[in-house]
Amino acid sequence: SSGENQLVARVSFMLLGVGSLIIFTSVVGFLGNVKEIRCLLVTVLVFFTQIAISALIFLEKEVVYHQWNYRIDEVISEYGNKSLAEKEFVWNILNAVQQNVRKTQIRT
């Protein structure tokens, strides 16, 4: 059926894209190694690190989501507490986010 063909086509394009990305990264790494260009090698290492971190976040998205929400709730509950003056920089970040959201809401 056409639904199965679309699924096969999508999977094929994804595999083609991932394969192309791997080949490109391998070629850049090879050139960096042959030409002894440290910048290319560092770029490849940074790229693979970003891919690994993204994969870990994706695989552990529930844990990341809960930790993120817990941290935001903690910041909000401690906001303005005079005994926690060392956390004022976090409150300034929260203030900036709120101001940006307010500006965005006014524009729409």
PDB file of N, CA and C in Angstrom:
ATOM      1  N   SER A   1       0.836  -1.191   0.000  1.00  0.00           N
ATOM      2  CA  SER A   1       0.000   0.000   0.000  1.00  0.00           C
ATOM      3  C   SER A   1       0.869   1.238   0.000  1.00  0.00           C
ATOM      4  N   SER A   2       0.262   2.378  -0.261  1.00  0.00           N
ATOM      5  CA  SER A   2       1.031   3.615  -0.357  1.00  0.00           C
ATOM      6  C   SER A   2       1.590   4.044   0.995  1.00  0.00           C
ATOM      7  N   GLY A   3       0.897   3.711   2.097  1.00  0.00           N
ATOM      8  CA  GLY A   3       1.399   4.049   3.430  1.00  0.00           C
ATOM      9  C   GLY A   3       2.697   3.354   3.752  1.00  0.00           C
ATOM     10  N   GLU A   4       2.778   2.075   3.380  1.00  0.00           N
ATOM     11  CA  GLU A   4       4.011   1.331   3.614  1.00  0.00           C
ATOM     12  C   GLU A   4       5.145   1.866   2.752  1.00  0.00           C
ATOM     13  N   ASN A   5       4.832   2.251   1.509  1.00  0.00           N
ATOM     14  CA  ASN A   5       5.850   2.801   0.623  1.00  0.00           C
ATOM     15  C   ASN A   5       6.390   4.123   1.161  1.00  0.00           C
ATOM     16  N   GLN A   6       5.499   4.947   1.722  1.00  0.00           N
ATOM     17  CA  GLN A   6       5.948   6.221   2.300  1.00  0.00           C
ATOM     18  C   GLN A   6       6.854   5.981   3.499  1.00  0.00           C
ATOM     19  N   LEU A   7       6.501   5.003   4.322  1.00  0.00           N
ATOM     20  CA  LEU A   7       7.334   4.681   5.472  1.00  0.00           C
ATOM     21  C   LEU A   7       8.706   4.200   5.036  1.00  0.00           C
ATOM     22  N   VAL A   8       8.743   3.326   4.034  1.00  0.00           N
ATOM     23  CA  VAL A   8      10.015   2.826   3.518  1.00  0.00           C
ATOM     24  C   VAL A   8      10.828   3.979   2.931  1.00  0.00           C
ATOM     25  N   ALA A   9      10.175   4.883   2.224  1.00  0.00           N
ATOM     26  CA  ALA A   9      10.873   6.026   1.635  1.00  0.00           C
ATOM     27  C   ALA A   9      11.445   6.930   2.725  1.00  0.00           C
ATOM     28  N   ARG A  10      10.664   7.182   3.761  1.00  0.00           N
ATOM     29  CA  ARG A  10      11.148   8.047   4.856  1.00  0.00           C
ATOM     30  C   ARG A  10      12.341   7.411   5.558  1.00  0.00           C
ATOM     31  N   VAL A  11      12.226   6.134   5.866  1.00  0.00           N
ATOM     32  CA  VAL A  11      13.335   5.443   6.526  1.00  0.00           C
ATOM     33  C   VAL A  11      14.563   5.450   5.631  1.00  0.00           C
ATOM     34  N   SER A  12      14.374   5.243   4.337  1.00  0.00           N
ATOM     35  CA  SER A  12      15.499   5.252   3.392  1.00  0.00           C
ATOM     36  C   SER A  12      16.178   6.614   3.361  1.00  0.00           C
ATOM     37  N   PHE A  13      15.382   7.686   3.332  1.00  0.00           N
ATOM     38  CA  PHE A  13      15.963   9.029   3.325  1.00  0.00           C
ATOM     39  C   PHE A  13      16.689   9.335   4.631  1.00  0.00           C
ATOM     40  N   MET A  14      16.137   8.875   5.747  1.00  0.00           N
ATOM     41  CA  MET A  14      16.820   9.090   7.029  1.00  0.00           C
ATOM     42  C   MET A  14      18.157   8.357   7.053  1.00  0.00           C
ATOM     43  N   LEU A  15      18.161   7.103   6.597  1.00  0.00           N
ATOM     44  CA  LEU A  15      19.411   6.340   6.566  1.00  0.00           C
ATOM     45  C   LEU A  15      20.417   6.970   5.613  1.00  0.00           C
ATOM     46  N   LEU A  16      19.932   7.460   4.477  1.00  0.00           N
ATOM     47  CA  LEU A  16      20.804   8.140   3.522  1.00  0.00           C
ATOM     48  C   LEU A  16      21.401   9.403   4.147  1.00  0.00           C
ATOM     49  N   GLY A  17      20.598  10.159   4.850  1.00  0.00           N
ATOM     50  CA  GLY A  17      21.083  11.380   5.498  1.00  0.00           C
ATOM     51  C   GLY A  17      22.099  11.078   6.585  1.00  0.00           C
ATOM     52  N   VAL A  18      21.807  10.093   7.421  1.00  0.00           N
ATOM     53  CA  VAL A  18      22.743   9.723   8.490  1.00  0.00           C
ATOM     54  C   VAL A  18      24.038   9.189   7.898  1.00  0.00           C
ATOM     55  N   GLY A  19      23.937   8.371   6.876  1.00  0.00           N
ATOM     56  CA  GLY A  19      25.133   7.839   6.223  1.00  0.00           C
ATOM     57  C   GLY A  19      25.978   8.941   5.606  1.00  0.00           C
ATOM     58  N   SER A  20      25.315   9.902   4.960  1.00  0.00           N
ATOM     59  CA  SER A  20      26.039  11.037   4.373  1.00  0.00           C
ATOM     60  C   SER A  20      26.739  11.855   5.441  1.00  0.00           C
ATOM     61  N   LEU A  21      26.063  12.058   6.558  1.00  0.00           N
ATOM     62  CA  LEU A  21      26.652  12.816   7.661  1.00  0.00           C
ATOM     63  C   LEU A  21      27.872  12.089   8.229  1.00  0.00           C
ATOM     64  N   ILE A  22      27.774  10.791   8.362  1.00  0.00           N
ATOM     65  CA  ILE A  22      28.900  10.004   8.867  1.00  0.00           C
ATOM     66  C   ILE A  22      30.071  10.058   7.889  1.00  0.00           C
ATOM     67  N   ILE A  23      29.787   9.928   6.610  1.00  0.00           N
ATOM     68  CA  ILE A  23      30.857   9.994   5.599  1.00  0.00           C
ATOM     69  C   ILE A  23      31.520  11.362   5.617  1.00  0.00           C
ATOM     70  N   PHE A  24      30.723  12.425   5.663  1.00  0.00           N
ATOM     71  CA  PHE A  24      31.273  13.778   5.695  1.00  0.00           C
ATOM     72  C   PHE A  24      32.167  13.975   6.914  1.00  0.00           C
ATOM     73  N   THR A  25      31.689  13.547   8.073  1.00  0.00           N
ATOM     74  CA  THR A  25      32.476  13.691   9.299  1.00  0.00           C
ATOM     75  C   THR A  25      33.757  12.864   9.221  1.00  0.00           C
ATOM     76  N   SER A  26      33.665  11.686   8.651  1.00  0.00           N
ATOM     77  CA  SER A  26      34.851  10.843   8.506  1.00  0.00           C
ATOM     78  C   SER A  26      35.877  11.480   7.576  1.00  0.00           C
ATOM     79  N   VAL A  27      35.407  12.062   6.471  1.00  0.00           N
ATOM     80  CA  VAL A  27      36.316  12.720   5.529  1.00  0.00           C
ATOM     81  C   VAL A  27      36.998  13.912   6.187  1.00  0.00           C
ATOM     82  N   VAL A  28      36.228  14.718   6.930  1.00  0.00           N
ATOM     83  CA  VAL A  28      36.817  15.873   7.625  1.00  0.00           C
ATOM     84  C   VAL A  28      37.837  15.404   8.648  1.00  0.00           C
ATOM     85  N   GLY A  29      37.503  14.347   9.396  1.00  0.00           N
ATOM     86  CA  GLY A  29      38.454  13.800  10.367  1.00  0.00           C
ATOM     87  C   GLY A  29      39.702  13.253   9.701  1.00  0.00           C
ATOM     88  N   PHE A  30      39.528  12.566   8.578  1.00  0.00           N
ATOM     89  CA  PHE A  30      40.665  12.034   7.837  1.00  0.00           C
ATOM     90  C   PHE A  30      41.564  13.164   7.336  1.00  0.00           C
ATOM     91  N   LEU A  31      40.945  14.208   6.754  1.00  0.00           N
ATOM     92  CA  LEU A  31      41.742  15.347   6.284  1.00  0.00           C
ATOM     93  C   LEU A  31      42.479  16.015   7.443  1.00  0.00           C
ATOM     94  N   GLY A  32      41.795  16.122   8.570  1.00  0.00           N
ATOM     95  CA  GLY A  32      42.454  16.698   9.734  1.00  0.00           C
ATOM     96  C   GLY A  32      43.628  15.876  10.192  1.00  0.00           C
ATOM     97  N   ASN A  33      43.504  14.567  10.096  1.00  0.00           N
ATOM     98  CA  ASN A  33      44.584  13.683  10.504  1.00  0.00           C
ATOM     99  C   ASN A  33      45.738  13.720   9.510  1.00  0.00           C
ATOM    100  N   VAL A  34      45.423  13.655   8.227  1.00  0.00           N
ATOM    101  CA  VAL A  34      46.463  13.639   7.195  1.00  0.00           C
ATOM    102  C   VAL A  34      47.206  14.971   7.160  1.00  0.00           C
ATOM    103  N   LYS A  35      46.467  16.053   7.171  1.00  0.00           N
ATOM    104  CA  LYS A  35      47.072  17.384   7.097  1.00  0.00           C
ATOM    105  C   LYS A  35      47.535  17.890   8.462  1.00  0.00           C
ATOM    106  N   GLU A  36      47.256  17.097   9.489  1.00  0.00           N
ATOM    107  CA  GLU A  36      47.597  17.461  10.860  1.00  0.00           C
ATOM    108  C   GLU A  36      47.039  18.827  11.228  1.00  0.00           C
ATOM    109  N   ILE A  37      45.811  19.041  10.835  1.00  0.00           N
ATOM    110  CA  ILE A  37      45.125  20.287  11.171  1.00  0.00           C
ATOM    111  C   ILE A  37      44.315  20.028  12.436  1.00  0.00           C
ATOM    112  N   ARG A  38      44.772  20.598  13.503  1.00  0.00           N
ATOM    113  CA  ARG A  38      44.136  20.375  14.793  1.00  0.00           C
ATOM    114  C   ARG A  38      42.705  20.920  14.827  1.00  0.00           C
ATOM    115  N   CYS A  39      42.472  21.995  14.104  1.00  0.00           N
ATOM    116  CA  CYS A  39      41.145  22.607  14.095  1.00  0.00           C
ATOM    117  C   CYS A  39      40.099  21.625  13.570  1.00  0.00           C
ATOM    118  N   LEU A  40      40.422  20.902  12.506  1.00  0.00           N
ATOM    119  CA  LEU A  40      39.482  19.923  11.963  1.00  0.00           C
ATOM    120  C   LEU A  40      39.254  18.779  12.937  1.00  0.00           C
ATOM    121  N   LEU A  41      40.319  18.326  13.577  1.00  0.00           N
ATOM    122  CA  LEU A  41      40.175  17.246  14.546  1.00  0.00           C
ATOM    123  C   LEU A  41      39.322  17.682  15.731  1.00  0.00           C
ATOM    124  N   VAL A  42      39.547  18.896  16.207  1.00  0.00           N
ATOM    125  CA  VAL A  42      38.747  19.413  17.318  1.00  0.00           C
ATOM    126  C   VAL A  42      37.291  19.553  16.886  1.00  0.00           C
ATOM    127  N   THR A  43      37.059  20.016  15.646  1.00  0.00           N
ATOM    128  CA  THR A  43      35.698  20.149  15.137  1.00  0.00           C
ATOM    129  C   THR A  43      34.995  18.795  15.114  1.00  0.00           C
ATOM    130  N   VAL A  44      35.678  17.769  14.671  1.00  0.00           N
ATOM    131  CA  VAL A  44      35.087  16.435  14.633  1.00  0.00           C
ATOM    132  C   VAL A  44      34.795  15.946  16.049  1.00  0.00           C
ATOM    133  N   LEU A  45      35.717  16.156  16.979  1.00  0.00           N
ATOM    134  CA  LEU A  45      35.496  15.735  18.361  1.00  0.00           C
ATOM    135  C   LEU A  45      34.310  16.472  18.978  1.00  0.00           C
ATOM    136  N   VAL A  46      34.210  17.772  18.736  1.00  0.00           N
ATOM    137  CA  VAL A  46      33.087  18.554  19.257  1.00  0.00           C
ATOM    138  C   VAL A  46      31.783  18.061  18.644  1.00  0.00           C
ATOM    139  N   PHE A  47      31.802  17.772  17.356  1.00  0.00           N
ATOM    140  CA  PHE A  47      30.607  17.280  16.676  1.00  0.00           C
ATOM    141  C   PHE A  47      30.128  15.968  17.297  1.00  0.00           C
ATOM    142  N   PHE A  48      31.045  15.028  17.475  1.00  0.00           N
ATOM    143  CA  PHE A  48      30.658  13.745  18.055  1.00  0.00           C
ATOM    144  C   PHE A  48      30.203  13.896  19.501  1.00  0.00           C
ATOM    145  N   THR A  49      30.819  14.818  20.238  1.00  0.00           N
ATOM    146  CA  THR A  49      30.385  15.076  21.603  1.00  0.00           C
ATOM    147  C   THR A  49      28.959  15.610  21.616  1.00  0.00           C
ATOM    148  N   GLN A  50      28.648  16.535  20.719  1.00  0.00           N
ATOM    149  CA  GLN A  50      27.286  17.072  20.643  1.00  0.00           C
ATOM    150  C   GLN A  50      26.288  15.981  20.272  1.00  0.00           C
ATOM    151  N   ILE A  51      26.649  15.118  19.358  1.00  0.00           N
ATOM    152  CA  ILE A  51      25.765  14.022  18.969  1.00  0.00           C
ATOM    153  C   ILE A  51      25.527  13.088  20.156  1.00  0.00           C
ATOM    154  N   ALA A  52      26.586  12.786  20.885  1.00  0.00           N
ATOM    155  CA  ALA A  52      26.455  11.888  22.037  1.00  0.00           C
ATOM    156  C   ALA A  52      25.576  12.508  23.119  1.00  0.00           C
ATOM    157  N   ILE A  53      25.776  13.795  23.395  1.00  0.00           N
ATOM    158  CA  ILE A  53      24.963  14.470  24.406  1.00  0.00           C
ATOM    159  C   ILE A  53      23.504  14.523  23.967  1.00  0.00           C
ATOM    160  N   SER A  54      23.272  14.823  22.702  1.00  0.00           N
ATOM    161  CA  SER A  54      21.900  14.852  22.186  1.00  0.00           C
ATOM    162  C   SER A  54      21.239  13.484  22.307  1.00  0.00           C
ATOM    163  N   ALA A  55      21.979  12.443  21.989  1.00  0.00           N
ATOM    164  CA  ALA A  55      21.428  11.087  22.094  1.00  0.00           C
ATOM    165  C   ALA A  55      21.103  10.741  23.541  1.00  0.00           C
ATOM    166  N   LEU A  56      21.986  11.104  24.466  1.00  0.00           N
ATOM    167  CA  LEU A  56      21.721  10.834  25.879  1.00  0.00           C
ATOM    168  C   LEU A  56      20.496  11.592  26.366  1.00  0.00           C
ATOM    169  N   ILE A  57      20.376  12.851  25.972  1.00  0.00           N
ATOM    170  CA  ILE A  57      19.205  13.632  26.370  1.00  0.00           C
ATOM    171  C   ILE A  57      17.943  13.013  25.797  1.00  0.00           C
ATOM    172  N   PHE A  58      18.003  12.579  24.534  1.00  0.00           N
ATOM    173  CA  PHE A  58      16.838  11.967  23.916  1.00  0.00           C
ATOM    174  C   PHE A  58      16.464  10.669  24.618  1.00  0.00           C
ATOM    175  N   LEU A  59      17.455   9.853  24.934  1.00  0.00           N
ATOM    176  CA  LEU A  59      17.174   8.576  25.580  1.00  0.00           C
ATOM    177  C   LEU A  59      16.684   8.747  27.015  1.00  0.00           C
ATOM    178  N   GLU A  60      17.146   9.784  27.674  1.00  0.00           N
ATOM    179  CA  GLU A  60      16.769  10.036  29.066  1.00  0.00           C
ATOM    180  C   GLU A  60      15.875  11.264  29.184  1.00  0.00           C
ATOM    181  N   LYS A  61      14.993  11.487  28.191  1.00  0.00           N
ATOM    182  CA  LYS A  61      14.219  12.719  28.163  1.00  0.00           C
ATOM    183  C   LYS A  61      13.274  12.846  29.345  1.00  0.00           C
ATOM    184  N   GLU A  62      12.761  11.755  29.867  1.00  0.00           N
ATOM    185  CA  GLU A  62      11.872  11.831  31.031  1.00  0.00           C
ATOM    186  C   GLU A  62      12.639  12.305  32.266  1.00  0.00           C
ATOM    187  N   VAL A  63      13.834  11.758  32.467  1.00  0.00           N
ATOM    188  CA  VAL A  63      14.658  12.163  33.610  1.00  0.00           C
ATOM    189  C   VAL A  63      15.050  13.625  33.475  1.00  0.00           C
ATOM    190  N   VAL A  64      15.464  14.037  32.270  1.00  0.00           N
ATOM    191  CA  VAL A  64      15.846  15.432  32.025  1.00  0.00           C
ATOM    192  C   VAL A  64      14.654  16.349  32.262  1.00  0.00           C
ATOM    193  N   TYR A  65      13.482  15.947  31.778  1.00  0.00           N
ATOM    194  CA  TYR A  65      12.272  16.753  31.943  1.00  0.00           C
ATOM    195  C   TYR A  65      11.950  16.957  33.422  1.00  0.00           C
ATOM    196  N   HIS A  66      11.993  15.872  34.201  1.00  0.00           N
ATOM    197  CA  HIS A  66      11.680  15.978  35.626  1.00  0.00           C
ATOM    198  C   HIS A  66      12.729  16.789  36.382  1.00  0.00           C
ATOM    199  N   GLN A  67      13.999  16.583  36.060  1.00  0.00           N
ATOM    200  CA  GLN A  67      15.054  17.350  36.711  1.00  0.00           C
ATOM    201  C   GLN A  67      14.925  18.838  36.385  1.00  0.00           C
ATOM    202  N   TRP A  68      14.632  19.146  35.129  1.00  0.00           N
ATOM    203  CA  TRP A  68      14.480  20.533  34.690  1.00  0.00           C
ATOM    204  C   TRP A  68      13.318  21.191  35.430  1.00  0.00           C
ATOM    205  N   ASN A  69      12.179  20.507  35.494  1.00  0.00           N
ATOM    206  CA  ASN A  69      11.019  21.051  36.201  1.00  0.00           C
ATOM    207  C   ASN A  69      11.295  21.214  37.684  1.00  0.00           C
ATOM    208  N   TYR A  70      11.985  20.228  38.281  1.00  0.00           N
ATOM    209  CA  TYR A  70      12.325  20.324  39.698  1.00  0.00           C
ATOM    210  C   TYR A  70      13.208  21.541  39.955  1.00  0.00           C
ATOM    211  N   ARG A  71      14.183  21.760  39.111  1.00  0.00           N
ATOM    212  CA  ARG A  71      15.102  22.891  39.285  1.00  0.00           C
ATOM    213  C   ARG A  71      14.377  24.219  39.125  1.00  0.00           C
ATOM    214  N   ILE A  72      13.493  24.310  38.136  1.00  0.00           N
ATOM    215  CA  ILE A  72      12.737  25.550  37.943  1.00  0.00           C
ATOM    216  C   ILE A  72      11.832  25.817  39.137  1.00  0.00           C
ATOM    217  N   ASP A  73      11.161  24.785  39.633  1.00  0.00           N
ATOM    218  CA  ASP A  73      10.317  24.943  40.819  1.00  0.00           C
ATOM    219  C   ASP A  73      11.131  25.394  42.022  1.00  0.00           C
ATOM    220  N   GLU A  74      12.337  24.860  42.159  1.00  0.00           N
ATOM    221  CA  GLU A  74      13.211  25.230  43.269  1.00  0.00           C
ATOM    222  C   GLU A  74      13.613  26.704  43.181  1.00  0.00           C
ATOM    223  N   VAL A  75      13.969  27.146  41.980  1.00  0.00           N
ATOM    224  CA  VAL A  75      14.356  28.549  41.787  1.00  0.00           C
ATOM    225  C   VAL A  75      13.183  29.472  42.108  1.00  0.00           C
ATOM    226  N   ILE A  76      11.992  29.108  41.643  1.00  0.00           N
ATOM    227  CA  ILE A  76      10.821  29.940  41.883  1.00  0.00           C
ATOM    228  C   ILE A  76      10.481  29.977  43.372  1.00  0.00           C
ATOM    229  N   SER A  77      10.577  28.845  44.056  1.00  0.00           N
ATOM    230  CA  SER A  77      10.236  28.817  45.487  1.00  0.00           C
ATOM    231  C   SER A  77      11.253  29.586  46.340  1.00  0.00           C
ATOM    232  N   GLU A  78      12.506  29.674  45.889  1.00  0.00           N
ATOM    233  CA  GLU A  78      13.533  30.394  46.634  1.00  0.00           C
ATOM    234  C   GLU A  78      13.657  31.855  46.218  1.00  0.00           C
ATOM    235  N   TYR A  79      12.890  32.274  45.231  1.00  0.00           N
ATOM    236  CA  TYR A  79      13.005  33.621  44.662  1.00  0.00           C
ATOM    237  C   TYR A  79      12.792  34.686  45.744  1.00  0.00           C
ATOM    238  N   GLY A  80      13.742  35.599  45.845  1.00  0.00           N
ATOM    239  CA  GLY A  80      13.624  36.734  46.752  1.00  0.00           C
ATOM    240  C   GLY A  80      13.947  36.446  48.200  1.00  0.00           C
ATOM    241  N   ASN A  81      14.367  35.244  48.539  1.00  0.00           N
ATOM    242  CA  ASN A  81      14.702  34.900  49.914  1.00  0.00           C
ATOM    243  C   ASN A  81      15.985  35.632  50.306  1.00  0.00           C
ATOM    244  N   LYS A  82      15.881  36.499  51.291  1.00  0.00           N
ATOM    245  CA  LYS A  82      17.028  37.333  51.695  1.00  0.00           C
ATOM    246  C   LYS A  82      18.188  36.504  52.237  1.00  0.00           C
ATOM    247  N   SER A  83      17.911  35.336  52.800  1.00  0.00           N
ATOM    248  CA  SER A  83      18.992  34.508  53.349  1.00  0.00           C
ATOM    249  C   SER A  83      19.759  33.767  52.250  1.00  0.00           C
ATOM    250  N   LEU A  84      19.259  33.811  51.020  1.00  0.00           N
ATOM    251  CA  LEU A  84      19.929  33.138  49.900  1.00  0.00           C
ATOM    252  C   LEU A  84      20.435  34.159  48.883  1.00  0.00           C
ATOM    253  N   ALA A  85      21.129  35.180  49.357  1.00  0.00           N
ATOM    254  CA  ALA A  85      21.588  36.262  48.483  1.00  0.00           C
ATOM    255  C   ALA A  85      22.582  35.769  47.426  1.00  0.00           C
ATOM    256  N   GLU A  86      23.257  34.649  47.681  1.00  0.00           N
ATOM    257  CA  GLU A  86      24.223  34.143  46.702  1.00  0.00           C
ATOM    258  C   GLU A  86      23.539  33.622  45.430  1.00  0.00           C
ATOM    259  N   LYS A  87      22.228  33.437  45.476  1.00  0.00           N
ATOM    260  CA  LYS A  87      21.489  32.959  44.311  1.00  0.00           C
ATOM    261  C   LYS A  87      20.831  34.097  43.536  1.00  0.00           C
ATOM    262  N   GLU A  88      21.260  35.315  43.793  1.00  0.00           N
ATOM    263  CA  GLU A  88      20.650  36.464  43.134  1.00  0.00           C
ATOM    264  C   GLU A  88      20.853  36.435  41.622  1.00  0.00           C
ATOM    265  N   PHE A  89      21.982  35.925  41.153  1.00  0.00           N
ATOM    266  CA  PHE A  89      22.216  35.845  39.706  1.00  0.00           C
ATOM    267  C   PHE A  89      21.184  34.943  39.025  1.00  0.00           C
ATOM    268  N   VAL A  90      20.741  33.889  39.695  1.00  0.00           N
ATOM    269  CA  VAL A  90      19.708  33.008  39.146  1.00  0.00           C
ATOM    270  C   VAL A  90      18.388  33.762  39.064  1.00  0.00           C
ATOM    271  N   TRP A  91      18.099  34.577  40.061  1.00  0.00           N
ATOM    272  CA  TRP A  91      16.867  35.363  40.063  1.00  0.00           C
ATOM    273  C   TRP A  91      16.905  36.404  38.947  1.00  0.00           C
ATOM    274  N   ASN A  92      18.090  36.941  38.678  1.00  0.00           N
ATOM    275  CA  ASN A  92      18.216  37.890  37.570  1.00  0.00           C
ATOM    276  C   ASN A  92      17.935  37.210  36.222  1.00  0.00           C
ATOM    277  N   ILE A  93      18.375  35.985  36.089  1.00  0.00           N
ATOM    278  CA  ILE A  93      18.073  35.233  34.866  1.00  0.00           C
ATOM    279  C   ILE A  93      16.571  35.006  34.752  1.00  0.00           C
ATOM    280  N   LEU A  94      15.932  34.633  35.859  1.00  0.00           N
ATOM    281  CA  LEU A  94      14.485  34.438  35.862  1.00  0.00           C
ATOM    282  C   LEU A  94      13.758  35.727  35.507  1.00  0.00           C
ATOM    283  N   ASN A  95      14.228  36.859  36.038  1.00  0.00           N
ATOM    284  CA  ASN A  95      13.630  38.158  35.699  1.00  0.00           C
ATOM    285  C   ASN A  95      13.757  38.449  34.207  1.00  0.00           C
ATOM    286  N   ALA A  96      14.922  38.170  33.638  1.00  0.00           N
ATOM    287  CA  ALA A  96      15.145  38.421  32.211  1.00  0.00           C
ATOM    288  C   ALA A  96      14.238  37.544  31.355  1.00  0.00           C
ATOM    289  N   VAL A  97      14.068  36.294  31.731  1.00  0.00           N
ATOM    290  CA  VAL A  97      13.184  35.396  30.985  1.00  0.00           C
ATOM    291  C   VAL A  97      11.753  35.908  31.041  1.00  0.00           C
ATOM    292  N   GLN A  98      11.321  36.329  32.227  1.00  0.00           N
ATOM    293  CA  GLN A  98       9.957  36.845  32.362  1.00  0.00           C
ATOM    294  C   GLN A  98       9.754  38.107  31.538  1.00  0.00           C
ATOM    295  N   GLN A  99      10.739  38.982  31.499  1.00  0.00           N
ATOM    296  CA  GLN A  99      10.618  40.203  30.696  1.00  0.00           C
ATOM    297  C   GLN A  99      10.551  39.873  29.207  1.00  0.00           C
ATOM    298  N   ASN A 100      11.355  38.910  28.756  1.00  0.00           N
ATOM    299  CA  ASN A 100      11.318  38.509  27.347  1.00  0.00           C
ATOM    300  C   ASN A 100       9.979  37.886  26.977  1.00  0.00           C
ATOM    301  N   VAL A 101       9.429  37.076  27.873  1.00  0.00           N
ATOM    302  CA  VAL A 101       8.125  36.468  27.613  1.00  0.00           C
ATOM    303  C   VAL A 101       7.061  37.558  27.552  1.00  0.00           C
ATOM    304  N   ARG A 102       7.137  38.513  28.455  1.00  0.00           N
ATOM    305  CA  ARG A 102       6.162  39.604  28.470  1.00  0.00           C
ATOM    306  C   ARG A 102       6.237  40.406  27.176  1.00  0.00           C
ATOM    307  N   LYS A 103       7.447  40.708  26.693  1.00  0.00           N
ATOM    308  CA  LYS A 103       7.607  41.445  25.438  1.00  0.00           C
ATOM    309  C   LYS A 103       7.035  40.653  24.266  1.00  0.00           C
ATOM    310  N   THR A 104       7.254  39.343  24.277  1.00  0.00           N
ATOM    311  CA  THR A 104       6.733  38.487  23.213  1.00  0.00           C
ATOM    312  C   THR A 104       5.209  38.473  23.227  1.00  0.00           C
ATOM    313  N   GLN A 105       4.619  38.431  24.411  1.00  0.00           N
ATOM    314  CA  GLN A 105       3.167  38.411  24.522  1.00  0.00           C
ATOM    315  C   GLN A 105       2.550  39.730  24.082  1.00  0.00           C
ATOM    316  N   ILE A 106       3.234  40.828  24.349  1.00  0.00           N
ATOM    317  CA  ILE A 106       2.724  42.149  23.961  1.00  0.00           C
ATOM    318  C   ILE A 106       2.735  42.280  22.447  1.00  0.00           C
ATOM    319  N   ARG A 107       3.737  41.749  21.771  1.00  0.00           N
ATOM    320  CA  ARG A 107       3.839  41.839  20.319  1.00  0.00           C
ATOM    321  C   ARG A 107       2.731  41.066  19.611  1.00  0.00           C
ATOM    322  N   THR A 108       2.304  39.977  20.210  1.00  0.00           N
ATOM    323  CA  THR A 108       1.293  39.139  19.542  1.00  0.00           C
ATOM    324  C   THR A 108      -0.099  39.553  19.869  1.00  0.00           C
TER     325      THR A 108
END
